[in-house]
């Protein structure tokens, strides 16, 4: 299984955050550039994808046919998880889809609701420090001006009953000598019921 965490960074084969997902229910929140729901379905999971973009859903269905896998697709806001009953999902993956979320706490509460007790939410996103820099690697913004700080991100997860048990700050492999990480990949474990 090759879950995608971003271009030119480590993937699931190196980070091993998802574990064995064969026979498990897995939701991909926001269809990644390399769809993780296809990787999950190929690994034997019951894959479900949610994305607000109808074109992304159409492209995923076409890709699923090509890979000869079945994926349950839903179009809607990433926090609209009403199609999943409480405590019915084994894993949720969001790879570079949470950046523009207006109410991250609401989304996390919905993910918490659908996950089974102790299940994981794996998130990959631009590192909060990377948000300070432009494509020219020059400083353009103050820390926290365009995204949550890492501390703010951590507290948002903790306040919604998730515990981060793995955090990887990854550099773009094309720029190994970069002064800052480009991607953060986190595994958050559901606490409570």
N, C-alpha and C. Protein backbone atom coordinates (compact mmCIF):
# COMPACT_ATOMS: atom_id res chain seq x y z
N UNK A 1 0.85 -1.18 0.00
CA UNK A 1 0.00 0.00 0.00
C UNK A 1 0.89 1.24 0.00
N UNK A 2 0.56 2.17 -0.86
CA UNK A 2 1.40 3.36 -0.99
C UNK A 2 0.56 4.62 -0.79
N UNK A 3 0.26 4.94 0.45
CA UNK A 3 -0.48 6.17 0.78
C UNK A 3 0.44 7.36 0.46
N UNK A 4 -0.13 8.35 -0.21
CA UNK A 4 0.61 9.53 -0.69
C UNK A 4 0.49 10.66 0.32
N UNK A 5 1.63 11.21 0.74
CA UNK A 5 1.64 12.32 1.69
C UNK A 5 2.15 13.62 1.07
N UNK A 6 2.38 13.63 -0.21
CA UNK A 6 2.83 14.83 -0.89
C UNK A 6 3.91 14.51 -1.89
N UNK A 7 4.10 15.44 -2.83
CA UNK A 7 5.13 15.26 -3.85
C UNK A 7 6.51 15.37 -3.23
N UNK A 8 7.38 14.47 -3.57
CA UNK A 8 8.79 14.52 -3.18
C UNK A 8 9.04 14.42 -1.68
N UNK A 9 8.12 13.74 -0.96
CA UNK A 9 8.34 13.48 0.47
C UNK A 9 8.11 11.99 0.73
N UNK A 10 8.44 11.55 1.92
CA UNK A 10 8.27 10.14 2.30
C UNK A 10 6.80 9.74 2.16
N UNK A 11 6.57 8.46 1.89
CA UNK A 11 5.21 7.94 1.76
C UNK A 11 4.97 6.89 2.85
N UNK A 12 3.86 6.18 2.73
CA UNK A 12 3.48 5.19 3.74
C UNK A 12 4.50 4.07 3.87
N UNK A 13 5.16 3.71 2.78
CA UNK A 13 6.16 2.64 2.84
C UNK A 13 7.27 2.99 3.83
N UNK A 14 7.59 4.28 3.95
CA UNK A 14 8.63 4.72 4.89
C UNK A 14 8.08 5.06 6.27
N UNK A 15 6.93 5.72 6.32
CA UNK A 15 6.42 6.24 7.59
C UNK A 15 5.59 5.23 8.38
N UNK A 16 4.92 4.33 7.72
CA UNK A 16 4.11 3.27 8.34
C UNK A 16 3.16 3.80 9.42
N UNK A 17 2.28 4.69 9.02
CA UNK A 17 1.33 5.29 9.95
C UNK A 17 -0.04 4.63 9.91
N UNK A 18 -0.39 3.98 8.82
CA UNK A 18 -1.74 3.44 8.65
C UNK A 18 -1.88 1.99 9.10
N UNK A 19 -0.83 1.22 9.04
CA UNK A 19 -0.91 -0.18 9.42
C UNK A 19 -1.64 -1.01 8.37
N UNK A 20 -1.98 -2.25 8.75
CA UNK A 20 -2.69 -3.16 7.85
C UNK A 20 -4.14 -2.71 7.77
N UNK A 21 -4.61 -2.40 6.58
CA UNK A 21 -5.99 -1.91 6.45
C UNK A 21 -6.90 -2.87 5.70
N UNK A 22 -6.41 -4.05 5.38
CA UNK A 22 -7.23 -5.03 4.66
C UNK A 22 -8.50 -5.30 5.46
N UNK A 23 -9.66 -5.20 4.80
CA UNK A 23 -10.94 -5.46 5.44
C UNK A 23 -11.47 -4.34 6.30
N UNK A 24 -10.76 -3.23 6.39
CA UNK A 24 -11.17 -2.11 7.24
C UNK A 24 -11.83 -1.01 6.42
N UNK A 25 -12.65 -0.19 7.10
CA UNK A 25 -13.29 0.96 6.46
C UNK A 25 -12.37 2.17 6.56
N UNK A 26 -12.03 2.73 5.40
CA UNK A 26 -11.09 3.85 5.33
C UNK A 26 -11.73 4.98 4.54
N UNK A 27 -11.72 6.19 5.12
CA UNK A 27 -12.23 7.37 4.43
C UNK A 27 -11.06 8.26 4.02
N UNK A 28 -11.08 8.69 2.76
CA UNK A 28 -10.15 9.70 2.29
C UNK A 28 -10.91 11.02 2.25
N UNK A 29 -10.48 11.99 3.07
CA UNK A 29 -11.10 13.32 3.11
C UNK A 29 -10.38 14.21 2.12
N UNK A 30 -11.04 14.52 1.02
CA UNK A 30 -10.39 15.30 -0.03
C UNK A 30 -9.52 14.38 -0.85
N UNK A 31 -9.79 14.26 -2.10
CA UNK A 31 -9.07 13.32 -2.95
C UNK A 31 -7.69 13.89 -3.26
N UNK A 32 -6.66 13.14 -2.88
CA UNK A 32 -5.28 13.59 -3.06
C UNK A 32 -4.89 13.54 -4.53
N UNK A 33 -3.80 14.22 -4.85
CA UNK A 33 -3.28 14.23 -6.23
C UNK A 33 -3.04 12.80 -6.73
N UNK A 34 -2.57 11.95 -5.85
CA UNK A 34 -2.50 10.51 -6.09
C UNK A 34 -3.51 9.92 -5.12
N UNK A 35 -4.69 9.52 -5.58
CA UNK A 35 -5.79 9.17 -4.67
C UNK A 35 -5.45 8.06 -3.68
N UNK A 36 -5.54 8.39 -2.41
CA UNK A 36 -5.28 7.41 -1.36
C UNK A 36 -6.38 6.38 -1.24
N UNK A 37 -7.59 6.71 -1.70
CA UNK A 37 -8.67 5.73 -1.66
C UNK A 37 -8.38 4.58 -2.62
N UNK A 38 -7.70 4.84 -3.72
CA UNK A 38 -7.31 3.75 -4.63
C UNK A 38 -6.26 2.87 -3.96
N UNK A 39 -5.28 3.48 -3.30
CA UNK A 39 -4.26 2.69 -2.59
C UNK A 39 -4.92 1.85 -1.50
N UNK A 40 -5.90 2.42 -0.78
CA UNK A 40 -6.59 1.68 0.27
C UNK A 40 -7.39 0.52 -0.30
N UNK A 41 -8.14 0.77 -1.37
CA UNK A 41 -8.94 -0.28 -1.99
C UNK A 41 -8.06 -1.40 -2.54
N UNK A 42 -6.94 -1.02 -3.13
CA UNK A 42 -5.99 -2.01 -3.65
C UNK A 42 -5.43 -2.87 -2.52
N UNK A 43 -5.30 -2.30 -1.33
CA UNK A 43 -4.79 -3.03 -0.16
C UNK A 43 -5.88 -3.86 0.52
N UNK A 44 -7.11 -3.82 -0.03
CA UNK A 44 -8.18 -4.65 0.51
C UNK A 44 -9.13 -3.95 1.46
N UNK A 45 -9.01 -2.63 1.57
CA UNK A 45 -9.91 -1.88 2.45
C UNK A 45 -11.22 -1.56 1.75
N UNK A 46 -12.25 -1.29 2.53
CA UNK A 46 -13.49 -0.73 2.00
C UNK A 46 -13.25 0.77 1.93
N UNK A 47 -12.91 1.26 0.76
CA UNK A 47 -12.48 2.65 0.58
C UNK A 47 -13.67 3.55 0.31
N UNK A 48 -13.64 4.71 0.96
CA UNK A 48 -14.67 5.73 0.83
C UNK A 48 -13.95 7.06 0.58
N UNK A 49 -14.44 7.85 -0.34
CA UNK A 49 -13.83 9.15 -0.63
C UNK A 49 -14.88 10.24 -0.52
N UNK A 50 -14.49 11.37 0.06
CA UNK A 50 -15.34 12.55 0.17
C UNK A 50 -14.57 13.74 -0.37
N UNK A 51 -15.19 14.47 -1.30
CA UNK A 51 -14.55 15.65 -1.87
C UNK A 51 -15.63 16.63 -2.31
N UNK A 52 -15.40 17.94 -2.17
CA UNK A 52 -16.40 18.92 -2.60
C UNK A 52 -16.46 19.11 -4.11
N UNK A 53 -15.44 18.68 -4.83
CA UNK A 53 -15.32 18.94 -6.26
C UNK A 53 -15.91 17.78 -7.08
N UNK A 54 -17.00 18.01 -7.84
CA UNK A 54 -17.59 16.93 -8.63
C UNK A 54 -16.63 16.37 -9.68
N UNK A 55 -15.73 17.21 -10.20
CA UNK A 55 -14.76 16.73 -11.19
C UNK A 55 -13.75 15.76 -10.55
N UNK A 56 -13.38 16.02 -9.30
CA UNK A 56 -12.46 15.11 -8.60
C UNK A 56 -13.13 13.77 -8.38
N UNK A 57 -14.43 13.78 -8.05
CA UNK A 57 -15.18 12.54 -7.85
C UNK A 57 -15.24 11.76 -9.17
N UNK A 58 -15.54 12.44 -10.27
CA UNK A 58 -15.61 11.80 -11.58
C UNK A 58 -14.26 11.19 -11.95
N UNK A 59 -13.19 11.94 -11.75
CA UNK A 59 -11.85 11.44 -12.07
C UNK A 59 -11.51 10.23 -11.20
N UNK A 60 -11.90 10.25 -9.94
CA UNK A 60 -11.63 9.12 -9.05
C UNK A 60 -12.39 7.88 -9.51
N UNK A 61 -13.65 8.05 -9.89
CA UNK A 61 -14.42 6.90 -10.38
C UNK A 61 -13.77 6.28 -11.62
N UNK A 62 -13.29 7.12 -12.51
CA UNK A 62 -12.61 6.64 -13.72
C UNK A 62 -11.33 5.88 -13.34
N UNK A 63 -10.56 6.46 -12.42
CA UNK A 63 -9.32 5.81 -11.98
C UNK A 63 -9.61 4.49 -11.27
N UNK A 64 -10.68 4.44 -10.49
CA UNK A 64 -11.05 3.20 -9.79
C UNK A 64 -11.39 2.11 -10.79
N UNK A 65 -12.09 2.47 -11.86
CA UNK A 65 -12.40 1.48 -12.92
C UNK A 65 -11.11 0.96 -13.55
N UNK A 66 -10.19 1.86 -13.83
CA UNK A 66 -8.91 1.47 -14.43
C UNK A 66 -8.15 0.50 -13.52
N UNK A 67 -8.21 0.74 -12.20
CA UNK A 67 -7.50 -0.11 -11.23
C UNK A 67 -8.33 -1.32 -10.81
N UNK A 68 -9.56 -1.39 -11.33
CA UNK A 68 -10.48 -2.49 -11.02
C UNK A 68 -10.73 -2.63 -9.52
N UNK A 69 -11.01 -1.50 -8.88
CA UNK A 69 -11.37 -1.47 -7.46
C UNK A 69 -12.66 -0.70 -7.30
N UNK A 70 -13.33 -0.93 -6.18
CA UNK A 70 -14.58 -0.24 -5.88
C UNK A 70 -14.33 0.78 -4.78
N UNK A 71 -14.81 2.01 -5.02
CA UNK A 71 -14.69 3.08 -4.03
C UNK A 71 -16.05 3.74 -3.90
N UNK A 72 -16.50 3.87 -2.67
CA UNK A 72 -17.75 4.59 -2.39
C UNK A 72 -17.42 6.07 -2.40
N UNK A 73 -18.06 6.83 -3.29
CA UNK A 73 -17.75 8.26 -3.45
C UNK A 73 -18.89 9.13 -2.95
N UNK A 74 -18.52 10.21 -2.27
CA UNK A 74 -19.49 11.20 -1.79
C UNK A 74 -18.97 12.59 -2.14
N UNK A 75 -19.86 13.42 -2.67
CA UNK A 75 -19.51 14.81 -2.94
C UNK A 75 -20.09 15.66 -1.83
N UNK A 76 -19.28 16.52 -1.25
CA UNK A 76 -19.76 17.43 -0.21
C UNK A 76 -18.61 18.04 0.56
N UNK A 77 -18.98 18.91 1.49
CA UNK A 77 -18.01 19.54 2.38
C UNK A 77 -17.27 18.47 3.16
N UNK A 78 -15.99 18.68 3.43
CA UNK A 78 -15.19 17.66 4.10
C UNK A 78 -15.67 17.35 5.52
N UNK A 79 -16.40 18.24 6.14
CA UNK A 79 -16.93 17.97 7.49
C UNK A 79 -18.30 17.30 7.44
N UNK A 80 -18.86 17.10 6.25
CA UNK A 80 -20.17 16.48 6.13
C UNK A 80 -20.03 14.97 6.04
N UNK A 81 -19.86 14.35 7.19
CA UNK A 81 -19.66 12.91 7.26
C UNK A 81 -20.93 12.17 7.69
N UNK A 82 -22.08 12.75 7.40
CA UNK A 82 -23.36 12.15 7.78
C UNK A 82 -23.61 10.79 7.16
N UNK A 83 -22.93 10.46 6.08
CA UNK A 83 -23.10 9.15 5.44
C UNK A 83 -22.49 8.01 6.27
N UNK A 84 -21.65 8.35 7.24
CA UNK A 84 -20.99 7.33 8.07
C UNK A 84 -21.59 7.36 9.48
N UNK A 85 -21.96 6.20 9.97
CA UNK A 85 -22.51 6.13 11.33
C UNK A 85 -21.40 6.31 12.35
N UNK A 86 -21.78 6.64 13.56
CA UNK A 86 -20.81 6.85 14.64
C UNK A 86 -20.01 5.59 14.91
N UNK A 87 -18.71 5.77 15.15
CA UNK A 87 -17.80 4.69 15.51
C UNK A 87 -17.82 3.52 14.52
N UNK A 88 -17.86 3.85 13.21
CA UNK A 88 -17.93 2.80 12.19
C UNK A 88 -16.72 2.76 11.26
N UNK A 89 -15.76 3.67 11.44
CA UNK A 89 -14.65 3.81 10.50
C UNK A 89 -13.33 3.48 11.22
N UNK A 90 -12.46 2.76 10.52
CA UNK A 90 -11.19 2.33 11.11
C UNK A 90 -10.05 3.31 10.90
N UNK A 91 -10.11 4.11 9.84
CA UNK A 91 -9.03 5.04 9.52
C UNK A 91 -9.57 6.15 8.64
N UNK A 92 -9.13 7.38 8.92
CA UNK A 92 -9.42 8.52 8.05
C UNK A 92 -8.08 9.12 7.63
N UNK A 93 -7.96 9.43 6.33
CA UNK A 93 -6.75 10.02 5.78
C UNK A 93 -7.10 11.33 5.10
N UNK A 94 -6.35 12.37 5.40
CA UNK A 94 -6.50 13.67 4.72
C UNK A 94 -5.12 14.12 4.27
N UNK A 95 -4.87 14.06 2.98
CA UNK A 95 -3.57 14.43 2.46
C UNK A 95 -3.68 15.72 1.66
N UNK A 96 -3.22 16.80 2.26
CA UNK A 96 -3.20 18.13 1.65
C UNK A 96 -4.59 18.63 1.28
N UNK A 97 -5.58 18.30 2.11
CA UNK A 97 -6.94 18.76 1.85
C UNK A 97 -7.49 19.65 2.95
N UNK A 98 -6.76 19.85 4.03
CA UNK A 98 -7.30 20.63 5.16
C UNK A 98 -6.85 22.08 5.18
N UNK A 99 -6.01 22.48 4.24
CA UNK A 99 -5.43 23.82 4.27
C UNK A 99 -6.47 24.94 4.26
N UNK A 100 -7.54 24.81 3.51
CA UNK A 100 -8.51 25.89 3.40
C UNK A 100 -9.73 25.73 4.29
N UNK A 101 -9.68 24.83 5.25
CA UNK A 101 -10.82 24.57 6.12
C UNK A 101 -11.06 25.76 7.05
N UNK A 102 -12.27 26.31 7.00
CA UNK A 102 -12.60 27.46 7.86
C UNK A 102 -12.76 27.07 9.32
N UNK A 103 -13.38 25.92 9.57
CA UNK A 103 -13.64 25.48 10.94
C UNK A 103 -13.04 24.10 11.15
N UNK A 104 -11.73 24.08 11.43
CA UNK A 104 -11.02 22.81 11.62
C UNK A 104 -11.58 22.04 12.80
N UNK A 105 -11.97 22.72 13.85
CA UNK A 105 -12.52 22.03 15.03
C UNK A 105 -13.78 21.25 14.66
N UNK A 106 -14.65 21.84 13.86
CA UNK A 106 -15.88 21.15 13.42
C UNK A 106 -15.53 19.89 12.64
N UNK A 107 -14.60 20.01 11.71
CA UNK A 107 -14.19 18.85 10.93
C UNK A 107 -13.62 17.77 11.84
N UNK A 108 -12.77 18.14 12.79
CA UNK A 108 -12.18 17.16 13.70
C UNK A 108 -13.24 16.49 14.57
N UNK A 109 -14.25 17.23 14.98
CA UNK A 109 -15.33 16.62 15.77
C UNK A 109 -16.09 15.59 14.94
N UNK A 110 -16.29 15.87 13.66
CA UNK A 110 -16.98 14.92 12.79
C UNK A 110 -16.12 13.68 12.54
N UNK A 111 -14.84 13.87 12.33
CA UNK A 111 -13.94 12.73 12.15
C UNK A 111 -13.93 11.90 13.43
N UNK A 112 -13.85 12.56 14.58
CA UNK A 112 -13.87 11.86 15.87
C UNK A 112 -15.15 11.03 16.00
N UNK A 113 -16.27 11.58 15.60
CA UNK A 113 -17.56 10.88 15.71
C UNK A 113 -17.57 9.58 14.90
N UNK A 114 -17.04 9.60 13.68
CA UNK A 114 -17.14 8.42 12.82
C UNK A 114 -16.06 7.37 13.10
N UNK A 115 -14.95 7.77 13.70
CA UNK A 115 -13.88 6.81 13.98
C UNK A 115 -14.25 5.89 15.14
N UNK A 116 -13.79 4.65 15.05
CA UNK A 116 -13.92 3.71 16.16
C UNK A 116 -12.98 4.15 17.28
N UNK A 117 -13.29 3.80 18.54
CA UNK A 117 -12.39 4.16 19.65
C UNK A 117 -10.96 3.67 19.40
N UNK A 118 -9.99 4.56 19.57
CA UNK A 118 -8.58 4.22 19.37
C UNK A 118 -8.13 4.23 17.92
N UNK A 119 -9.04 4.51 16.99
CA UNK A 119 -8.68 4.53 15.56
C UNK A 119 -7.90 5.79 15.22
N UNK A 120 -7.28 5.79 14.05
CA UNK A 120 -6.37 6.86 13.66
C UNK A 120 -6.91 7.78 12.57
N UNK A 121 -6.48 9.03 12.67
CA UNK A 121 -6.69 10.04 11.65
C UNK A 121 -5.30 10.46 11.20
N UNK A 122 -4.94 10.18 9.94
CA UNK A 122 -3.62 10.51 9.42
C UNK A 122 -3.76 11.73 8.51
N UNK A 123 -2.98 12.76 8.82
CA UNK A 123 -3.08 14.04 8.13
C UNK A 123 -1.72 14.44 7.57
N UNK A 124 -1.69 14.85 6.32
CA UNK A 124 -0.50 15.46 5.72
C UNK A 124 -0.90 16.85 5.24
N UNK A 125 -0.07 17.81 5.54
CA UNK A 125 -0.37 19.19 5.15
C UNK A 125 0.91 19.99 5.05
N UNK A 126 0.84 21.14 4.35
CA UNK A 126 2.03 21.99 4.34
C UNK A 126 2.43 22.33 5.77
N UNK A 127 3.70 22.27 6.05
CA UNK A 127 4.19 22.58 7.39
C UNK A 127 3.90 24.04 7.71
N UNK A 128 3.45 24.36 8.92
CA UNK A 128 3.17 25.76 9.26
C UNK A 128 4.34 26.71 9.03
N UNK A 129 5.56 26.22 9.18
CA UNK A 129 6.73 27.06 8.92
C UNK A 129 6.87 27.31 7.42
N UNK A 130 6.57 26.30 6.59
CA UNK A 130 6.69 26.46 5.14
C UNK A 130 5.73 27.53 4.61
N UNK A 131 4.62 27.74 5.31
CA UNK A 131 3.64 28.75 4.90
C UNK A 131 4.22 30.17 4.95
N UNK A 132 5.33 30.34 5.65
CA UNK A 132 5.96 31.66 5.75
C UNK A 132 6.71 32.05 4.48
N UNK A 133 7.05 31.05 3.67
CA UNK A 133 7.94 31.27 2.54
C UNK A 133 7.20 31.15 1.22
N UNK A 134 7.63 31.90 0.24
CA UNK A 134 7.06 31.82 -1.10
C UNK A 134 7.78 30.76 -1.92
N UNK A 135 7.36 30.58 -3.17
CA UNK A 135 8.00 29.58 -4.03
C UNK A 135 9.48 29.88 -4.29
N UNK A 136 9.88 31.12 -4.06
CA UNK A 136 11.28 31.50 -4.24
C UNK A 136 12.12 31.23 -2.99
N UNK A 137 11.49 30.61 -1.96
CA UNK A 137 12.12 30.29 -0.67
C UNK A 137 12.53 31.53 0.11
N UNK A 138 11.94 32.67 -0.25
CA UNK A 138 12.18 33.90 0.50
C UNK A 138 11.04 34.10 1.48
N UNK A 139 11.35 34.68 2.63
CA UNK A 139 10.36 34.95 3.66
C UNK A 139 9.33 35.95 3.14
N UNK A 140 8.03 35.56 3.19
CA UNK A 140 6.96 36.42 2.71
C UNK A 140 5.96 36.78 3.81
N UNK A 141 5.81 35.93 4.83
CA UNK A 141 4.79 36.13 5.86
C UNK A 141 5.37 35.86 7.24
N UNK A 142 4.76 36.45 8.24
CA UNK A 142 5.12 36.15 9.62
C UNK A 142 4.54 34.79 10.00
N UNK A 143 5.18 34.10 10.92
CA UNK A 143 4.71 32.79 11.37
C UNK A 143 3.30 32.91 11.91
N UNK A 144 2.40 32.09 11.40
CA UNK A 144 1.01 32.10 11.83
C UNK A 144 0.12 33.09 11.08
N UNK A 145 0.68 33.88 10.17
CA UNK A 145 -0.12 34.88 9.46
C UNK A 145 -1.05 34.26 8.43
N UNK A 146 -0.65 33.14 7.82
CA UNK A 146 -1.47 32.53 6.77
C UNK A 146 -2.01 31.15 7.13
N UNK A 147 -1.57 30.60 8.25
CA UNK A 147 -2.05 29.29 8.68
C UNK A 147 -1.88 29.18 10.19
N UNK A 148 -2.47 28.13 10.77
CA UNK A 148 -2.27 27.89 12.19
C UNK A 148 -0.78 27.66 12.47
N UNK A 149 -0.33 28.07 13.64
CA UNK A 149 1.02 27.69 14.05
C UNK A 149 1.00 26.21 14.40
N UNK A 150 2.15 25.61 14.56
CA UNK A 150 2.18 24.20 14.94
C UNK A 150 1.54 24.01 16.31
N UNK A 151 1.79 24.92 17.22
CA UNK A 151 1.16 24.85 18.55
C UNK A 151 -0.35 24.96 18.45
N UNK A 152 -0.84 25.85 17.59
CA UNK A 152 -2.29 25.99 17.40
C UNK A 152 -2.90 24.74 16.81
N UNK A 153 -2.19 24.13 15.88
CA UNK A 153 -2.64 22.89 15.26
C UNK A 153 -2.71 21.77 16.30
N UNK A 154 -1.67 21.64 17.10
CA UNK A 154 -1.62 20.63 18.15
C UNK A 154 -2.78 20.82 19.13
N UNK A 155 -3.01 22.04 19.56
CA UNK A 155 -4.08 22.30 20.53
C UNK A 155 -5.46 22.04 19.94
N UNK A 156 -5.65 22.31 18.66
CA UNK A 156 -6.94 22.04 18.01
C UNK A 156 -7.22 20.54 18.02
N UNK A 157 -6.21 19.72 17.74
CA UNK A 157 -6.38 18.27 17.80
C UNK A 157 -6.66 17.82 19.23
N UNK A 158 -5.89 18.30 20.18
CA UNK A 158 -6.05 17.88 21.57
C UNK A 158 -7.43 18.28 22.13
N UNK A 159 -7.90 19.46 21.78
CA UNK A 159 -9.21 19.93 22.28
C UNK A 159 -10.39 19.18 21.68
N UNK A 160 -10.16 18.46 20.59
CA UNK A 160 -11.24 17.68 19.98
C UNK A 160 -11.05 16.18 20.26
N UNK A 161 -10.31 15.87 21.32
CA UNK A 161 -10.11 14.50 21.80
C UNK A 161 -9.30 13.61 20.87
N UNK A 162 -8.26 14.19 20.28
CA UNK A 162 -7.28 13.42 19.54
C UNK A 162 -5.94 13.58 20.23
N UNK A 163 -5.15 12.54 20.18
CA UNK A 163 -3.79 12.61 20.70
C UNK A 163 -2.82 12.32 19.57
N UNK A 164 -1.91 13.24 19.30
CA UNK A 164 -0.92 13.02 18.25
C UNK A 164 0.14 12.06 18.78
N UNK A 165 0.23 10.87 18.18
CA UNK A 165 1.23 9.91 18.64
C UNK A 165 2.37 9.74 17.64
N UNK A 166 2.28 10.42 16.49
CA UNK A 166 3.38 10.43 15.53
C UNK A 166 3.34 11.74 14.75
N UNK A 167 4.48 12.40 14.65
CA UNK A 167 4.60 13.64 13.89
C UNK A 167 5.90 13.56 13.09
N UNK A 168 5.80 13.74 11.78
CA UNK A 168 6.97 13.74 10.91
C UNK A 168 7.03 15.08 10.18
N UNK A 169 8.14 15.80 10.34
CA UNK A 169 8.35 17.06 9.65
C UNK A 169 9.30 16.75 8.49
N UNK A 170 8.77 16.81 7.28
CA UNK A 170 9.49 16.31 6.12
C UNK A 170 9.99 17.42 5.21
N UNK A 171 11.19 17.21 4.69
CA UNK A 171 11.75 18.11 3.69
C UNK A 171 11.45 17.58 2.31
N UNK A 172 11.28 18.46 1.38
CA UNK A 172 11.16 18.10 -0.03
C UNK A 172 12.48 17.44 -0.42
N UNK A 173 12.41 16.23 -0.97
CA UNK A 173 13.63 15.49 -1.31
C UNK A 173 14.47 16.18 -2.37
N UNK A 174 13.87 17.08 -3.13
CA UNK A 174 14.65 17.81 -4.13
C UNK A 174 15.51 18.88 -3.49
N UNK A 175 15.19 19.25 -2.24
CA UNK A 175 15.91 20.32 -1.53
C UNK A 175 16.31 19.82 -0.14
N UNK A 176 17.15 18.80 -0.09
CA UNK A 176 17.54 18.20 1.19
C UNK A 176 18.19 19.20 2.14
N UNK A 177 18.77 20.23 1.61
CA UNK A 177 19.43 21.22 2.45
C UNK A 177 18.52 22.40 2.80
N UNK A 178 17.21 22.23 2.56
CA UNK A 178 16.26 23.31 2.86
C UNK A 178 16.33 23.68 4.34
N UNK A 179 16.15 24.95 4.62
CA UNK A 179 16.24 25.45 6.00
C UNK A 179 14.98 25.20 6.80
N UNK A 180 13.94 24.67 6.17
CA UNK A 180 12.68 24.42 6.87
C UNK A 180 11.97 23.22 6.24
N UNK A 181 11.15 22.51 7.02
CA UNK A 181 10.40 21.38 6.47
C UNK A 181 9.24 21.88 5.61
N UNK A 182 8.90 21.12 4.57
CA UNK A 182 7.82 21.55 3.68
C UNK A 182 6.49 20.91 4.04
N UNK A 183 6.51 19.72 4.64
CA UNK A 183 5.27 18.98 4.93
C UNK A 183 5.34 18.43 6.35
N UNK A 184 4.19 18.46 7.03
CA UNK A 184 4.07 17.77 8.32
C UNK A 184 3.04 16.66 8.13
N UNK A 185 3.40 15.47 8.60
CA UNK A 185 2.50 14.32 8.54
C UNK A 185 2.28 13.88 9.98
N UNK A 186 1.01 13.80 10.38
CA UNK A 186 0.67 13.49 11.77
C UNK A 186 -0.30 12.32 11.83
N UNK A 187 -0.14 11.50 12.85
CA UNK A 187 -1.13 10.48 13.15
C UNK A 187 -1.77 10.85 14.48
N UNK A 188 -3.10 11.07 14.43
CA UNK A 188 -3.85 11.44 15.61
C UNK A 188 -4.76 10.27 15.99
N UNK A 189 -4.66 9.83 17.22
CA UNK A 189 -5.45 8.71 17.71
C UNK A 189 -6.68 9.23 18.44
N UNK A 190 -7.85 8.66 18.10
CA UNK A 190 -9.09 9.05 18.77
C UNK A 190 -9.04 8.64 20.23
N UNK A 191 -9.33 9.59 21.10
CA UNK A 191 -9.41 9.34 22.53
C UNK A 191 -10.89 9.29 22.93
N UNK A 192 -11.24 8.48 23.89
CA UNK A 192 -12.62 8.40 24.36
C UNK A 192 -13.49 7.65 23.38
N UNK A 193 -14.80 7.81 23.57
CA UNK A 193 -15.76 7.09 22.72
C UNK A 193 -16.46 8.01 21.74
